[in-house]
PDB file of all heavy atoms in Angstrom:
ATOM      1  N   THR A   1      22.415 101.138  58.912  1.00  0.00           N
ATOM      2  CA  THR A   1      22.966 102.228  59.719  1.00  0.00           C
ATOM      3  C   THR A   1      24.379 101.887  60.142  1.00  0.00           C
ATOM      4  O   THR A   1      25.290 102.761  60.021  1.00  0.00           O
ATOM      5  CB  THR A   1      22.104 102.601  60.963  1.00  0.00           C
ATOM      6  OG1 THR A   1      20.753 102.918  60.456  1.00  0.00           O
ATOM      7  CG2 THR A   1      22.693 103.795  61.627  1.00  0.00           C
ATOM      8  N   GLY A   2      24.631 100.678  60.741  1.00  0.00           N
ATOM      9  CA  GLY A   2      25.889 100.242  61.132  1.00  0.00           C
ATOM     10  C   GLY A   2      26.894 100.168  60.035  1.00  0.00           C
ATOM     11  O   GLY A   2      28.030 100.746  60.262  1.00  0.00           O
ATOM     12  N   ILE A   3      26.486  99.686  58.867  1.00  0.00           N
ATOM     13  CA  ILE A   3      27.406  99.501  57.815  1.00  0.00           C
ATOM     14  C   ILE A   3      27.787 101.056  57.313  1.00  0.00           C
ATOM     15  O   ILE A   3      28.980 101.318  56.990  1.00  0.00           O
ATOM     16  CB  ILE A   3      26.758  98.763  56.651  1.00  0.00           C
ATOM     17  CG1 ILE A   3      26.710  97.274  57.099  1.00  0.00           C
ATOM     18  CG2 ILE A   3      27.465  98.947  55.306  1.00  0.00           C
ATOM     19  CD1 ILE A   3      25.882  96.442  56.178  1.00  0.00           C
ATOM     20  N   MET A   4      26.769 101.914  57.328  1.00  0.00           N
ATOM     21  CA  MET A   4      27.118 103.287  56.856  1.00  0.00           C
ATOM     22  C   MET A   4      28.033 103.989  57.833  1.00  0.00           C
ATOM     23  O   MET A   4      28.939 104.701  57.362  1.00  0.00           O
ATOM     24  CB  MET A   4      25.760 104.031  56.645  1.00  0.00           C
ATOM     25  CG  MET A   4      24.735 103.568  55.598  1.00  0.00           C
ATOM     26  SD  MET A   4      25.638 103.526  53.970  1.00  0.00           S
ATOM     27  CE  MET A   4      25.596 105.177  53.552  1.00  0.00           C
ATOM     28  N   MET A   5      27.860 103.792  59.053  1.00  0.00           N
ATOM     29  CA  MET A   5      28.721 104.258  60.069  1.00  0.00           C
ATOM     30  C   MET A   5      30.169 103.830  59.878  1.00  0.00           C
ATOM     31  O   MET A   5      31.086 104.599  59.974  1.00  0.00           O
ATOM     32  CB  MET A   5      28.234 103.951  61.510  1.00  0.00           C
ATOM     33  CG  MET A   5      26.963 104.510  61.823  1.00  0.00           C
ATOM     34  SD  MET A   5      26.948 106.172  62.153  1.00  0.00           S
ATOM     35  CE  MET A   5      27.710 106.363  63.750  1.00  0.00           C
ATOM     36  N   LEU A   6      30.395 102.577  59.593  1.00  0.00           N
ATOM     37  CA  LEU A   6      31.737 101.999  59.402  1.00  0.00           C
ATOM     38  C   LEU A   6      32.230 102.632  58.107  1.00  0.00           C
ATOM     39  O   LEU A   6      33.449 102.965  58.108  1.00  0.00           O
ATOM     40  CB  LEU A   6      31.595 100.513  59.184  1.00  0.00           C
ATOM     41  CG  LEU A   6      31.273  99.645  60.467  1.00  0.00           C
ATOM     42  CD1 LEU A   6      30.999  98.292  60.167  1.00  0.00           C
ATOM     43  CD2 LEU A   6      32.320  99.815  61.469  1.00  0.00           C
ATOM     44  N   ALA A   7      31.555 102.717  57.040  1.00  0.00           N
ATOM     45  CA  ALA A   7      32.004 103.112  55.648  1.00  0.00           C
ATOM     46  C   ALA A   7      32.339 104.513  55.660  1.00  0.00           C
ATOM     47  O   ALA A   7      33.277 105.011  55.221  1.00  0.00           O
ATOM     48  CB  ALA A   7      31.096 102.697  54.661  1.00  0.00           C
ATOM     49  N   LEU A   8      31.387 105.414  56.033  1.00  0.00           N
ATOM     50  CA  LEU A   8      31.343 106.791  55.835  1.00  0.00           C
ATOM     51  C   LEU A   8      32.110 107.664  57.015  1.00  0.00           C
ATOM     52  O   LEU A   8      32.486 108.731  56.736  1.00  0.00           O
ATOM     53  CB  LEU A   8      29.960 107.252  55.741  1.00  0.00           C
ATOM     54  CG  LEU A   8      29.104 106.910  54.458  1.00  0.00           C
ATOM     55  CD1 LEU A   8      27.713 107.320  54.504  1.00  0.00           C
ATOM     56  CD2 LEU A   8      29.915 107.174  53.182  1.00  0.00           C
ATOM     57  N   ASN A   9      32.102 107.071  58.203  1.00  0.00           N
ATOM     58  CA  ASN A   9      32.641 107.769  59.265  1.00  0.00           C
ATOM     59  C   ASN A   9      33.898 107.268  59.988  1.00  0.00           C
ATOM     60  O   ASN A   9      34.407 107.953  60.903  1.00  0.00           O
ATOM     61  CB  ASN A   9      31.625 107.909  60.412  1.00  0.00           C
ATOM     62  CG  ASN A   9      30.356 108.675  59.913  1.00  0.00           C
ATOM     63  OD1 ASN A   9      30.459 109.841  59.376  1.00  0.00           O
ATOM     64  ND2 ASN A   9      29.216 108.087  59.902  1.00  0.00           N
ATOM     65  N   GLY A  10      34.385 106.158  59.334  1.00  0.00           N
ATOM     66  CA  GLY A  10      35.703 105.667  59.800  1.00  0.00           C
ATOM     67  C   GLY A  10      35.713 104.971  61.124  1.00  0.00           C
ATOM     68  O   GLY A  10      36.780 104.810  61.664  1.00  0.00           O
ATOM     69  N   LEU A  11      34.539 104.501  61.555  1.00  0.00           N
ATOM     70  CA  LEU A  11      34.524 103.710  62.769  1.00  0.00           C
ATOM     71  C   LEU A  11      35.060 102.357  62.672  1.00  0.00           C
ATOM     72  O   LEU A  11      35.028 101.737  61.552  1.00  0.00           O
ATOM     73  CB  LEU A  11      33.113 103.676  63.353  1.00  0.00           C
ATOM     74  CG  LEU A  11      32.680 104.671  64.269  1.00  0.00           C
ATOM     75  CD1 LEU A  11      32.484 105.964  63.536  1.00  0.00           C
ATOM     76  CD2 LEU A  11      31.328 104.307  64.988  1.00  0.00           C
ATOM     77  N   ARG A  12      35.666 101.802  63.629  1.00  0.00           N
ATOM     78  CA  ARG A  12      36.085 100.387  63.586  1.00  0.00           C
ATOM     79  C   ARG A  12      34.912  99.595  64.164  1.00  0.00           C
ATOM     80  O   ARG A  12      34.148 100.081  64.960  1.00  0.00           O
ATOM     81  CB  ARG A  12      37.340 100.200  64.523  1.00  0.00           C
ATOM     82  CG  ARG A  12      38.490 101.104  64.064  1.00  0.00           C
ATOM     83  CD  ARG A  12      39.638 100.904  65.042  1.00  0.00           C
ATOM     84  NE  ARG A  12      40.759 101.632  64.635  1.00  0.00           N
ATOM     85  CZ  ARG A  12      41.199 102.793  65.317  1.00  0.00           C
ATOM     86  NH1 ARG A  12      40.488 103.211  66.279  1.00  0.00           N
ATOM     87  NH2 ARG A  12      42.180 103.517  64.690  1.00  0.00           N
ATOM     88  N   LYS A  13      34.908  98.371  63.763  1.00  0.00           N
ATOM     89  CA  LYS A  13      33.711  97.434  64.171  1.00  0.00           C
ATOM     90  C   LYS A  13      33.585  97.432  65.708  1.00  0.00           C
ATOM     91  O   LYS A  13      32.378  97.596  66.167  1.00  0.00           O
ATOM     92  CB  LYS A  13      34.084  96.038  63.609  1.00  0.00           C
ATOM     93  CG  LYS A  13      33.318  94.895  64.134  1.00  0.00           C
ATOM     94  CD  LYS A  13      33.707  93.555  63.575  1.00  0.00           C
ATOM     95  CE  LYS A  13      35.063  93.212  63.818  1.00  0.00           C
ATOM     96  NZ  LYS A  13      35.277  92.148  64.931  1.00  0.00           N
ATOM     97  N   ASP A  14      34.629  97.262  66.496  1.00  0.00           N
ATOM     98  CA  ASP A  14      34.432  97.145  67.984  1.00  0.00           C
ATOM     99  C   ASP A  14      34.024  98.489  68.594  1.00  0.00           C
ATOM    100  O   ASP A  14      33.417  98.451  69.621  1.00  0.00           O
ATOM    101  CB  ASP A  14      35.779  96.662  68.589  1.00  0.00           C
ATOM    102  CG  ASP A  14      36.031  95.278  68.116  1.00  0.00           C
ATOM    103  OD1 ASP A  14      35.167  94.441  67.723  1.00  0.00           O
ATOM    104  OD2 ASP A  14      37.235  94.781  68.386  1.00  0.00           O
ATOM    105  N   GLU A  15      34.417  99.526  67.889  1.00  0.00           N
ATOM    106  CA  GLU A  15      33.982 100.894  68.319  1.00  0.00           C
ATOM    107  C   GLU A  15      32.380 100.980  68.115  1.00  0.00           C
ATOM    108  O   GLU A  15      31.651 101.602  68.935  1.00  0.00           O
ATOM    109  CB  GLU A  15      34.644 102.058  67.623  1.00  0.00           C
ATOM    110  CG  GLU A  15      36.129 102.110  68.040  1.00  0.00           C
ATOM    111  CD  GLU A  15      36.920 102.992  67.142  1.00  0.00           C
ATOM    112  OE1 GLU A  15      36.565 103.400  66.005  1.00  0.00           O
ATOM    113  OE2 GLU A  15      38.156 103.297  67.606  1.00  0.00           O
ATOM    114  N   LEU A  16      31.986 100.695  66.968  1.00  0.00           N
ATOM    115  CA  LEU A  16      30.602 100.621  66.657  1.00  0.00           C
ATOM    116  C   LEU A  16      29.721  99.826  67.606  1.00  0.00           C
ATOM    117  O   LEU A  16      28.729 100.314  68.081  1.00  0.00           O
ATOM    118  CB  LEU A  16      30.326 100.143  65.172  1.00  0.00           C
ATOM    119  CG  LEU A  16      28.870 100.179  64.735  1.00  0.00           C
ATOM    120  CD1 LEU A  16      28.246 101.464  64.678  1.00  0.00           C
ATOM    121  CD2 LEU A  16      28.757  99.434  63.431  1.00  0.00           C
ATOM    122  N   PHE A  17      30.252  98.699  67.966  1.00  0.00           N
ATOM    123  CA  PHE A  17      29.539  97.859  69.009  1.00  0.00           C
ATOM    124  C   PHE A  17      29.394  98.371  70.354  1.00  0.00           C
ATOM    125  O   PHE A  17      28.459  98.193  71.040  1.00  0.00           O
ATOM    126  CB  PHE A  17      30.320  96.496  69.100  1.00  0.00           C
ATOM    127  CG  PHE A  17      30.191  95.601  67.895  1.00  0.00           C
ATOM    128  CD1 PHE A  17      31.142  94.705  67.622  1.00  0.00           C
ATOM    129  CD2 PHE A  17      29.312  95.734  66.945  1.00  0.00           C
ATOM    130  CE1 PHE A  17      31.187  93.815  66.560  1.00  0.00           C
ATOM    131  CE2 PHE A  17      29.279  94.964  65.713  1.00  0.00           C
ATOM    132  CZ  PHE A  17      30.256  94.051  65.587  1.00  0.00           C
ATOM    133  N   ALA A  18      30.397  99.440  70.661  1.00  0.00           N
ATOM    134  CA  ALA A  18      30.355  99.959  72.025  1.00  0.00           C
ATOM    135  C   ALA A  18      29.547 101.371  72.069  1.00  0.00           C
ATOM    136  O   ALA A  18      29.258 101.899  73.160  1.00  0.00           O
ATOM    137  CB  ALA A  18      31.775 100.251  72.456  1.00  0.00           C
ATOM    138  N   LEU A  19      29.151 101.788  70.812  1.00  0.00           N
ATOM    139  CA  LEU A  19      28.421 103.105  70.867  1.00  0.00           C
ATOM    140  C   LEU A  19      27.026 102.946  71.592  1.00  0.00           C
ATOM    141  O   LEU A  19      26.316 101.954  71.473  1.00  0.00           O
ATOM    142  CB  LEU A  19      28.137 103.501  69.380  1.00  0.00           C
ATOM    143  CG  LEU A  19      29.185 104.138  68.639  1.00  0.00           C
ATOM    144  CD1 LEU A  19      28.590 104.644  67.256  1.00  0.00           C
ATOM    145  CD2 LEU A  19      29.598 105.440  69.296  1.00  0.00           C
ATOM    146  N   THR A  20      26.678 104.066  72.252  1.00  0.00           N
ATOM    147  CA  THR A  20      25.389 104.208  72.781  1.00  0.00           C
ATOM    148  C   THR A  20      24.883 105.608  72.272  1.00  0.00           C
ATOM    149  O   THR A  20      25.558 106.327  71.705  1.00  0.00           O
ATOM    150  CB  THR A  20      25.453 104.305  74.276  1.00  0.00           C
ATOM    151  OG1 THR A  20      26.219 105.326  74.746  1.00  0.00           O
ATOM    152  CG2 THR A  20      25.987 102.966  74.969  1.00  0.00           C
ATOM    153  N   ILE A  21      23.724 105.869  72.493  1.00  0.00           N
ATOM    154  CA  ILE A  21      23.034 107.062  72.086  1.00  0.00           C
ATOM    155  C   ILE A  21      23.708 108.388  72.589  1.00  0.00           C
ATOM    156  O   ILE A  21      23.744 109.292  71.937  1.00  0.00           O
ATOM    157  CB  ILE A  21      21.436 107.052  72.245  1.00  0.00           C
ATOM    158  CG1 ILE A  21      20.824 108.167  71.553  1.00  0.00           C
ATOM    159  CG2 ILE A  21      21.186 107.141  73.822  1.00  0.00           C
ATOM    160  CD1 ILE A  21      20.774 107.977  69.983  1.00  0.00           C
ATOM    161  N   LYS A  22      24.150 108.231  73.898  1.00  0.00           N
ATOM    162  CA  LYS A  22      24.902 109.315  74.457  1.00  0.00           C
ATOM    163  C   LYS A  22      26.123 109.730  73.882  1.00  0.00           C
ATOM    164  O   LYS A  22      26.788 110.771  73.934  1.00  0.00           O
ATOM    165  CB  LYS A  22      25.117 109.126  75.962  1.00  0.00           C
ATOM    166  CG  LYS A  22      26.044 108.113  76.292  1.00  0.00           C
ATOM    167  CD  LYS A  22      26.261 107.910  77.827  1.00  0.00           C
ATOM    168  CE  LYS A  22      27.149 106.710  78.225  1.00  0.00           C
ATOM    169  NZ  LYS A  22      28.321 106.565  77.558  1.00  0.00           N
ATOM    170  N   ASP A  23      26.726 108.764  73.093  1.00  0.00           N
ATOM    171  CA  ASP A  23      27.965 109.107  72.265  1.00  0.00           C
ATOM    172  C   ASP A  23      27.809 109.846  70.850  1.00  0.00           C
ATOM    173  O   ASP A  23      28.589 110.168  70.186  1.00  0.00           O
ATOM    174  CB  ASP A  23      28.624 107.689  71.934  1.00  0.00           C
ATOM    175  CG  ASP A  23      28.996 106.975  73.084  1.00  0.00           C
ATOM    176  OD1 ASP A  23      29.221 107.534  74.191  1.00  0.00           O
ATOM    177  OD2 ASP A  23      28.902 105.674  73.095  1.00  0.00           O
ATOM    178  N   VAL A  24      26.519 110.069  70.568  1.00  0.00           N
ATOM    179  CA  VAL A  24      26.162 110.592  69.234  1.00  0.00           C
ATOM    180  C   VAL A  24      25.623 111.971  69.525  1.00  0.00           C
ATOM    181  O   VAL A  24      24.565 112.072  70.242  1.00  0.00           O
ATOM    182  CB  VAL A  24      25.236 109.704  68.444  1.00  0.00           C
ATOM    183  CG1 VAL A  24      24.956 110.389  67.066  1.00  0.00           C
ATOM    184  CG2 VAL A  24      25.900 108.389  68.169  1.00  0.00           C
ATOM    185  N   ASP A  25      26.147 112.978  68.970  1.00  0.00           N
ATOM    186  CA  ASP A  25      25.643 114.389  69.031  1.00  0.00           C
ATOM    187  C   ASP A  25      25.174 114.847  67.698  1.00  0.00           C
ATOM    188  O   ASP A  25      25.975 115.233  66.915  1.00  0.00           O
ATOM    189  CB  ASP A  25      26.817 115.280  69.587  1.00  0.00           C
ATOM    190  CG  ASP A  25      26.334 116.687  69.748  1.00  0.00           C
ATOM    191  OD1 ASP A  25      25.199 117.046  69.365  1.00  0.00           O
ATOM    192  OD2 ASP A  25      27.051 117.524  70.443  1.00  0.00           O
ATOM    193  N   LEU A  26      23.878 114.697  67.417  1.00  0.00           N
ATOM    194  CA  LEU A  26      23.328 115.112  66.139  1.00  0.00           C
ATOM    195  C   LEU A  26      23.319 116.545  65.898  1.00  0.00           C
ATOM    196  O   LEU A  26      23.565 117.065  64.786  1.00  0.00           O
ATOM    197  CB  LEU A  26      21.965 114.493  66.025  1.00  0.00           C
ATOM    198  CG  LEU A  26      21.835 112.914  65.971  1.00  0.00           C
ATOM    199  CD1 LEU A  26      20.346 112.567  65.841  1.00  0.00           C
ATOM    200  CD2 LEU A  26      22.544 112.451  64.756  1.00  0.00           C
ATOM    201  N   GLU A  27      23.312 117.314  67.018  1.00  0.00           N
ATOM    202  CA  GLU A  27      23.279 118.818  66.756  1.00  0.00           C
ATOM    203  C   GLU A  27      24.600 119.269  66.266  1.00  0.00           C
ATOM    204  O   GLU A  27      24.658 120.224  65.361  1.00  0.00           O
ATOM    205  CB  GLU A  27      23.027 119.522  68.198  1.00  0.00           C
ATOM    206  CG  GLU A  27      22.755 120.963  67.998  1.00  0.00           C
ATOM    207  CD  GLU A  27      22.326 121.583  69.391  1.00  0.00           C
ATOM    208  OE1 GLU A  27      21.472 120.996  69.973  1.00  0.00           O
ATOM    209  OE2 GLU A  27      22.924 122.527  69.804  1.00  0.00           O
ATOM    210  N   ASN A  28      25.748 118.753  66.852  1.00  0.00           N
ATOM    211  CA  ASN A  28      27.064 119.176  66.349  1.00  0.00           C
ATOM    212  C   ASN A  28      27.711 118.186  65.348  1.00  0.00           C
ATOM    213  O   ASN A  28      28.777 118.347  64.976  1.00  0.00           O
ATOM    214  CB  ASN A  28      27.989 119.195  67.552  1.00  0.00           C
ATOM    215  CG  ASN A  28      27.579 120.419  68.476  1.00  0.00           C
ATOM    216  OD1 ASN A  28      27.357 121.437  68.055  1.00  0.00           O
ATOM    217  ND2 ASN A  28      27.408 120.068  69.829  1.00  0.00           N
ATOM    218  N   LYS A  29      26.821 117.145  64.936  1.00  0.00           N
ATOM    219  CA  LYS A  29      27.265 116.248  63.939  1.00  0.00           C
ATOM    220  C   LYS A  29      28.596 115.571  64.320  1.00  0.00           C
ATOM    221  O   LYS A  29      29.576 115.489  63.553  1.00  0.00           O
ATOM    222  CB  LYS A  29      27.370 116.683  62.553  1.00  0.00           C
ATOM    223  CG  LYS A  29      25.970 117.189  62.044  1.00  0.00           C
ATOM    224  CD  LYS A  29      26.201 117.714  60.540  1.00  0.00           C
ATOM    225  CE  LYS A  29      24.821 118.128  59.932  1.00  0.00           C
ATOM    226  NZ  LYS A  29      25.022 118.479  58.591  1.00  0.00           N
ATOM    227  N   THR A  30      28.584 114.993  65.512  1.00  0.00           N
ATOM    228  CA  THR A  30      29.849 114.282  65.912  1.00  0.00           C
ATOM    229  C   THR A  30      29.576 112.984  66.645  1.00  0.00           C
ATOM    230  O   THR A  30      28.404 112.775  67.244  1.00  0.00           O
ATOM    231  CB  THR A  30      30.677 115.121  66.931  1.00  0.00           C
ATOM    232  OG1 THR A  30      29.905 115.472  68.129  1.00  0.00           O
ATOM    233  CG2 THR A  30      31.197 116.371  66.328  1.00  0.00           C
ATOM    234  N   ILE A  31      30.455 112.145  66.703  1.00  0.00           N
ATOM    235  CA  ILE A  31      30.426 110.787  67.511  1.00  0.00           C
ATOM    236  C   ILE A  31      31.653 110.892  68.339  1.00  0.00           C
ATOM    237  O   ILE A  31      32.787 111.021  67.874  1.00  0.00           O
ATOM    238  CB  ILE A  31      30.500 109.650  66.528  1.00  0.00           C
ATOM    239  CG1 ILE A  31      29.342 109.598  65.567  1.00  0.00           C
ATOM    240  CG2 ILE A  31      30.485 108.338  67.292  1.00  0.00           C
ATOM    241  CD1 ILE A  31      29.517 108.585  64.444  1.00  0.00           C
ATOM    242  N   ILE A  32      31.487 110.586  69.651  1.00  0.00           N
ATOM    243  CA  ILE A  32      32.588 110.468  70.481  1.00  0.00           C
ATOM    244  C   ILE A  32      32.956 108.957  70.760  1.00  0.00           C
ATOM    245  O   ILE A  32      32.143 108.347  71.102  1.00  0.00           O
ATOM    246  CB  ILE A  32      32.176 111.076  71.957  1.00  0.00           C
ATOM    247  CG1 ILE A  32      31.784 112.639  71.757  1.00  0.00           C
ATOM    248  CG2 ILE A  32      33.293 111.007  72.885  1.00  0.00           C
ATOM    249  CD1 ILE A  32      31.148 113.231  72.896  1.00  0.00           C
ATOM    250  N   ILE A  33      34.217 108.726  70.515  1.00  0.00           N
ATOM    251  CA  ILE A  33      34.688 107.336  70.690  1.00  0.00           C
ATOM    252  C   ILE A  33      35.593 107.237  71.899  1.00  0.00           C
ATOM    253  O   ILE A  33      36.546 108.028  71.999  1.00  0.00           O
ATOM    254  CB  ILE A  33      35.523 106.837  69.423  1.00  0.00           C
ATOM    255  CG1 ILE A  33      34.686 106.916  68.148  1.00  0.00           C
ATOM    256  CG2 ILE A  33      36.083 105.468  69.591  1.00  0.00           C
ATOM    257  CD1 ILE A  33      33.483 106.042  68.219  1.00  0.00           C
ATOM    258  N   TYR A  34      35.228 106.457  72.838  1.00  0.00           N
ATOM    259  CA  TYR A  34      36.097 106.338  74.065  1.00  0.00           C
ATOM    260  C   TYR A  34      35.977 104.947  74.591  1.00  0.00           C
ATOM    261  O   TYR A  34      36.755 104.512  75.643  1.00  0.00           O
ATOM    262  CB  TYR A  34      35.726 107.421  75.148  1.00  0.00           C
ATOM    263  CG  TYR A  34      34.351 107.238  75.732  1.00  0.00           C
ATOM    264  CD1 TYR A  34      34.152 106.455  76.980  1.00  0.00           C
ATOM    265  CD2 TYR A  34      33.267 107.733  75.213  1.00  0.00           C
ATOM    266  CE1 TYR A  34      32.825 106.142  77.391  1.00  0.00           C
ATOM    267  CE2 TYR A  34      31.850 107.553  75.585  1.00  0.00           C
ATOM    268  CZ  TYR A  34      31.780 106.794  76.767  1.00  0.00           C
ATOM    269  OH  TYR A  34      30.621 106.645  77.381  1.00  0.00           O
ATOM    270  N   GLU A  35      35.237 104.121  74.017  1.00  0.00           N
ATOM    271  CA  GLU A  35      35.076 102.670  74.431  1.00  0.00           C
ATOM    272  C   GLU A  35      35.238 101.719  73.211  1.00  0.00           C
ATOM    273  O   GLU A  35      35.071 102.115  72.072  1.00  0.00           O
ATOM    274  CB  GLU A  35      33.907 102.308  75.170  1.00  0.00           C
ATOM    275  CG  GLU A  35      33.815 103.080  76.519  1.00  0.00           C
ATOM    276  CD  GLU A  35      32.455 102.669  77.227  1.00  0.00           C
ATOM    277  OE1 GLU A  35      31.376 102.861  76.638  1.00  0.00           O
ATOM    278  OE2 GLU A  35      32.530 102.587  78.448  1.00  0.00           O
ATOM    279  N   THR A  36      35.492 100.531  73.479  1.00  0.00           N
ATOM    280  CA  THR A  36      35.479  99.481  72.412  1.00  0.00           C
ATOM    281  C   THR A  36      34.710  98.283  73.030  1.00  0.00           C
ATOM    282  O   THR A  36      34.571  98.149  74.291  1.00  0.00           O
ATOM    283  CB  THR A  36      36.983  99.084  72.062  1.00  0.00           C
ATOM    284  OG1 THR A  36      36.838  98.151  70.890  1.00  0.00           O
ATOM    285  CG2 THR A  36      37.745  98.551  73.187  1.00  0.00           C
ATOM    286  N   ARG A  37      34.230  97.356  72.183  1.00  0.00           N
ATOM    287  CA  ARG A  37      33.579  96.243  72.811  1.00  0.00           C
ATOM    288  C   ARG A  37      33.886  94.992  71.827  1.00  0.00           C
ATOM    289  O   ARG A  37      33.823  95.020  70.726  1.00  0.00           O
ATOM    290  CB  ARG A  37      32.080  96.405  72.647  1.00  0.00           C
ATOM    291  CG  ARG A  37      31.215  95.246  73.272  1.00  0.00           C
ATOM    292  CD  ARG A  37      29.700  95.538  73.160  1.00  0.00           C
ATOM    293  NE  ARG A  37      29.045  94.470  73.577  1.00  0.00           N
ATOM    294  CZ  ARG A  37      28.324  94.360  74.670  1.00  0.00           C
ATOM    295  NH1 ARG A  37      28.132  95.407  75.325  1.00  0.00           N
ATOM    296  NH2 ARG A  37      27.746  93.295  75.021  1.00  0.00           N
ATOM    297  N   ASP A  38      34.273  93.950  72.606  1.00  0.00           N
ATOM    298  CA  ASP A  38      34.572  92.693  71.849  1.00  0.00           C
ATOM    299  C   ASP A  38      34.285  91.551  72.860  1.00  0.00           C
ATOM    300  O   ASP A  38      33.377  91.663  73.837  1.00  0.00           O
ATOM    301  CB  ASP A  38      36.108  92.650  71.642  1.00  0.00           C
ATOM    302  CG  ASP A  38      37.081  92.930  72.830  1.00  0.00           C
ATOM    303  OD1 ASP A  38      36.544  92.718  73.962  1.00  0.00           O
ATOM    304  OD2 ASP A  38      38.202  93.202  72.564  1.00  0.00           O
ATOM    305  N   TYR A  39      34.817  90.382  72.703  1.00  0.00           N
ATOM    306  CA  TYR A  39      34.505  89.187  73.413  1.00  0.00           C
ATOM    307  C   TYR A  39      34.786  89.384  74.919  1.00  0.00           C
ATOM    308  O   TYR A  39      34.305  88.535  75.689  1.00  0.00           O
ATOM    309  CB  TYR A  39      34.959  87.952  72.897  1.00  0.00           C
ATOM    310  CG  TYR A  39      36.589  87.794  72.760  1.00  0.00           C
ATOM    311  CD1 TYR A  39      37.387  87.389  73.754  1.00  0.00           C
ATOM    312  CD2 TYR A  39      37.176  88.442  71.597  1.00  0.00           C
ATOM    313  CE1 TYR A  39      38.737  87.465  73.684  1.00  0.00           C
ATOM    314  CE2 TYR A  39      38.577  88.338  71.429  1.00  0.00           C
ATOM    315  CZ  TYR A  39      39.310  87.868  72.557  1.00  0.00           C
ATOM    316  OH  TYR A  39      40.684  87.927  72.451  1.00  0.00           O
ATOM    317  N   HIS A  40      35.579  90.386  75.264  1.00  0.00           N
ATOM    318  CA  HIS A  40      35.903  90.708  76.706  1.00  0.00           C
ATOM    319  C   HIS A  40      34.887  91.599  77.310  1.00  0.00           C
ATOM    320  O   HIS A  40      34.960  91.870  78.528  1.00  0.00           O
ATOM    321  CB  HIS A  40      37.351  91.336  76.876  1.00  0.00           C
ATOM    322  CG  HIS A  40      38.439  90.321  76.431  1.00  0.00           C
ATOM    323  ND1 HIS A  40      38.811  89.244  77.124  1.00  0.00           N
ATOM    324  CD2 HIS A  40      39.418  90.526  75.340  1.00  0.00           C
ATOM    325  CE1 HIS A  40      39.745  88.641  76.559  1.00  0.00           C
ATOM    326  NE2 HIS A  40      40.201  89.381  75.447  1.00  0.00           N
ATOM    327  N   GLY A  41      33.972  92.191  76.462  1.00  0.00           N
ATOM    328  CA  GLY A  41      32.910  93.208  76.967  1.00  0.00           C
ATOM    329  C   GLY A  41      33.328  94.566  76.587  1.00  0.00           C
ATOM    330  O   GLY A  41      34.269  94.753  75.702  1.00  0.00           O
ATOM    331  N   THR A  42      32.708  95.503  77.188  1.00  0.00           N
ATOM    332  CA  THR A  42      33.006  96.812  76.835  1.00  0.00           C
ATOM    333  C   THR A  42      34.050  97.345  77.725  1.00  0.00           C
ATOM    334  O   THR A  42      34.002  97.128  78.898  1.00  0.00           O
ATOM    335  CB  THR A  42      31.601  97.689  76.973  1.00  0.00           C
ATOM    336  OG1 THR A  42      30.691  97.187  76.056  1.00  0.00           O
ATOM    337  CG2 THR A  42      31.867  99.250  76.630  1.00  0.00           C
TER     338      THR A  42
END
């Protein structure tokens, strides 16, 4: 799922790591990106 999100939806690796279920809207088929996660945290 993570690889598909990166390849098909244009997410960056650190954006994928910060995603939570509340960021994904399956009804409207959207992902909201507002955070990033790396060795400094989210």
